[in-house]
Amino acid sequence: MKKNFADRFINGIEWLAAIFVGIVALNIFVNVLLRKFFSTSIPDYFDFGRMLLGILIFWGIAATSYRGGHITVDLLWGAASPRWKRAIDVFATLVLLFVVVVQTAMLFDKVRLTYIDHVLTYDLNLPTWPFYAVAWTGDVCAVLLIAVRTWRLVFRPEALHDEHFDSPLAPAE
């Protein structure tokens, strides 16, 4: 099946989130080795670790925002008819979109203030705002993916990649 731009974008976001998981794991692994065998550590290890974890969280939100496979509580949804299931999905996705848009605006303010205040890391005195900007970019991607999910839920539900989507040929009631 040929993938359109939105599908390639979604896959790219998921790969970036996976790369950030690897970077966080590598940071921890290398620092543990250095401390265990050489009695030293990476300069600014703690600062890098917490900022990379923030990046990982926001890119993880982006990666899980589109797919329907993340942890959900669907007691009401499971008992609903297909038509109501779709209505619940659209409503929940719109609420998520609103929340993530507000979160993205607040995180941009954090990036801006960190840049203006010239906040630096402890050991190397590196500016921290680029880390916050990368995290904010992940949040922007989450907004875009939720918007794509909302559009597909309303207009093209067969294009979704949800685990609970029964059949691409089954119309909503």
Protein backbone atom coordinates (compact mmCIF):
# COMPACT_ATOMS: atom_id res chain seq x y z
CA MET A 1 0.00 0.00 0.00
CA LYS A 2 1.38 3.39 -1.01
CA LYS A 3 1.71 5.76 1.93
CA ASN A 4 0.65 9.37 1.64
CA PHE A 5 2.44 12.34 3.22
CA ALA A 6 0.46 12.11 6.47
CA ASP A 7 1.39 8.44 6.94
CA ARG A 8 5.06 9.14 6.24
CA PHE A 9 4.93 12.08 8.69
CA ILE A 10 3.37 9.86 11.37
CA ASN A 11 6.04 7.21 10.85
CA GLY A 12 8.77 9.86 11.00
CA ILE A 13 7.45 11.13 14.34
CA GLU A 14 7.41 7.59 15.72
CA TRP A 15 11.01 7.02 14.57
CA LEU A 16 12.15 10.30 16.15
CA ALA A 17 10.51 9.32 19.43
CA ALA A 18 12.31 5.96 19.28
CA ILE A 19 15.62 7.71 18.59
CA PHE A 20 15.11 9.89 21.67
CA VAL A 21 14.50 6.74 23.75
CA GLY A 22 17.85 5.46 22.48
CA ILE A 23 19.62 8.73 23.29
CA VAL A 24 18.27 8.74 26.85
CA ALA A 25 19.31 5.10 27.32
CA LEU A 26 22.76 5.78 25.85
CA ASN A 27 23.25 8.78 28.15
CA ILE A 28 22.45 6.65 31.20
CA PHE A 29 24.50 3.66 30.01
CA VAL A 30 27.64 5.65 29.21
CA ASN A 31 27.45 7.57 32.48
CA VAL A 32 27.06 4.37 34.52
CA LEU A 33 30.08 2.84 32.76
CA LEU A 34 32.17 5.95 33.32
CA ARG A 35 31.25 6.10 37.00
CA LYS A 36 31.78 2.37 37.60
CA PHE A 37 35.08 1.87 35.79
CA PHE A 38 36.69 5.32 35.59
CA SER A 39 35.26 7.15 38.62
CA THR A 40 34.11 10.05 36.47
CA SER A 41 30.93 11.10 34.74
CA ILE A 42 29.70 13.01 31.74
CA PRO A 43 29.78 16.75 32.42
CA ASP A 44 26.22 18.02 32.88
CA TYR A 45 24.94 14.42 32.92
CA PHE A 46 22.09 15.34 35.24
CA ASP A 47 21.06 18.42 33.23
CA PHE A 48 21.24 16.49 29.95
CA GLY A 49 19.34 13.59 31.47
CA ARG A 50 16.41 15.64 32.73
CA MET A 51 16.18 17.73 29.56
CA LEU A 52 16.41 14.64 27.35
CA LEU A 53 13.72 13.01 29.45
CA GLY A 54 11.50 16.05 28.86
CA ILE A 55 12.16 15.76 25.13
CA LEU A 56 11.35 12.06 25.29
CA ILE A 57 8.06 12.72 27.08
CA PHE A 58 6.82 15.29 24.58
CA TRP A 59 7.91 13.27 21.53
CA GLY A 60 6.31 10.23 23.18
CA ILE A 61 3.07 12.18 23.45
CA ALA A 62 3.39 12.96 19.75
CA ALA A 63 4.03 9.31 18.89
CA THR A 64 1.08 7.99 20.90
CA SER A 65 -1.37 10.77 20.04
CA TYR A 66 -2.24 9.44 16.62
CA ARG A 67 -2.48 5.71 17.26
CA GLY A 68 -5.38 4.22 19.19
CA GLY A 69 -3.19 1.60 20.87
CA HIS A 70 -2.14 3.49 23.99
CA ILE A 71 -3.61 2.73 27.40
CA THR A 72 -7.26 3.71 27.58
CA VAL A 73 -10.22 3.14 29.83
CA ASP A 74 -13.01 2.13 27.52
CA LEU A 75 -15.77 0.65 29.67
CA LEU A 76 -18.40 2.96 28.18
CA TRP A 77 -16.86 2.80 24.72
CA GLY A 78 -16.84 -1.01 24.73
CA ALA A 79 -20.57 -1.17 25.46
CA ALA A 80 -21.53 1.42 22.85
CA SER A 81 -22.82 0.85 19.33
CA PRO A 82 -20.41 1.54 16.44
CA ARG A 83 -22.02 4.93 15.84
CA TRP A 84 -21.60 5.97 19.48
CA LYS A 85 -18.07 4.56 19.54
CA ARG A 86 -17.16 6.87 16.70
CA ALA A 87 -18.86 9.83 18.42
CA ILE A 88 -16.96 9.10 21.65
CA ASP A 89 -13.70 8.83 19.68
CA VAL A 90 -14.30 12.17 17.96
CA PHE A 91 -15.23 13.89 21.24
CA ALA A 92 -12.23 12.44 23.09
CA THR A 93 -9.86 13.40 20.30
CA LEU A 94 -11.21 16.97 20.22
CA VAL A 95 -10.70 17.26 23.99
CA LEU A 96 -7.16 15.89 23.60
CA LEU A 97 -6.50 18.36 20.79
CA PHE A 98 -7.62 21.27 22.96
CA VAL A 99 -5.49 20.16 25.92
CA VAL A 100 -2.37 19.62 23.82
CA VAL A 101 -2.81 22.97 22.02
CA VAL A 102 -2.91 24.75 25.40
CA GLN A 103 0.07 22.70 26.60
CA THR A 104 2.00 23.61 23.44
CA ALA A 105 1.32 27.32 23.96
CA MET A 106 2.51 27.10 27.58
CA LEU A 107 5.62 25.16 26.60
CA PHE A 108 6.46 27.78 23.96
CA ASP A 109 6.31 30.37 26.73
CA LYS A 110 8.78 28.24 28.72
CA VAL A 111 11.12 28.07 25.71
CA ARG A 112 10.88 31.84 25.25
CA LEU A 113 11.52 32.61 28.93
CA THR A 114 14.43 30.16 29.10
CA TYR A 115 15.97 31.89 26.08
CA ILE A 116 15.40 35.39 27.47
CA ASP A 117 16.73 34.47 30.94
CA HIS A 118 19.79 32.82 29.35
CA VAL A 119 19.53 29.69 31.52
CA LEU A 120 22.69 27.57 31.28
CA THR A 121 23.73 24.07 32.29
CA TYR A 122 25.78 23.71 35.45
CA ASP A 123 29.13 22.32 34.26
CA LEU A 124 29.52 23.32 30.62
CA ASN A 125 27.41 26.49 30.72
CA LEU A 126 25.50 25.47 27.61
CA PRO A 127 22.19 27.22 26.91
CA THR A 128 19.19 25.06 27.83
CA TRP A 129 16.63 26.66 25.54
CA PRO A 130 17.49 24.41 22.53
CA PHE A 131 16.49 21.35 24.59
CA TYR A 132 13.21 23.01 25.48
CA ALA A 133 12.73 23.97 21.82
CA VAL A 134 13.16 20.34 20.71
CA ALA A 135 10.60 19.28 23.33
CA TRP A 136 8.24 22.02 22.12
CA THR A 137 8.68 20.79 18.53
CA GLY A 138 7.52 17.36 19.71
CA ASP A 139 4.45 18.98 21.21
CA VAL A 140 3.76 20.80 17.93
CA CYS A 141 3.99 17.44 16.15
CA ALA A 142 1.50 16.03 18.67
CA VAL A 143 -0.94 18.82 17.77
CA LEU A 144 -0.51 18.07 14.07
CA LEU A 145 -0.99 14.33 14.56
CA ILE A 146 -4.08 14.83 16.71
CA ALA A 147 -5.49 17.15 14.05
CA VAL A 148 -4.84 14.46 11.40
CA ARG A 149 -6.46 11.86 13.65
CA THR A 150 -9.51 14.10 14.18
CA TRP A 151 -9.87 14.73 10.45
CA ARG A 152 -9.57 11.02 9.70
CA LEU A 153 -12.03 10.09 12.46
CA VAL A 154 -14.63 12.41 10.97
CA PHE A 155 -14.01 12.03 7.24
CA ARG A 156 -11.90 8.88 6.64
CA PRO A 157 -12.14 6.42 9.54
CA GLU A 158 -10.87 3.62 7.32
CA ALA A 159 -7.50 5.41 7.12
CA LEU A 160 -6.93 5.17 10.88
CA HIS A 161 -4.45 2.70 12.31
CA ASP A 162 -6.41 2.00 15.50
CA GLU A 163 -6.17 -1.42 17.05
CA HIS A 164 -9.91 -1.38 17.77
CA PHE A 165 -10.96 -0.38 14.26
CA ASP A 166 -12.81 -3.45 13.01
CA SER A 167 -12.66 -3.27 9.25
CA PRO A 168 -11.76 -0.63 6.71
CA LEU A 169 -14.89 -1.59 4.81
CA ALA A 170 -17.33 -1.39 7.72
CA PRO A 171 -19.22 1.92 7.59
CA ALA A 172 -20.13 3.72 10.79
CA GLU A 173 -23.80 3.43 11.69
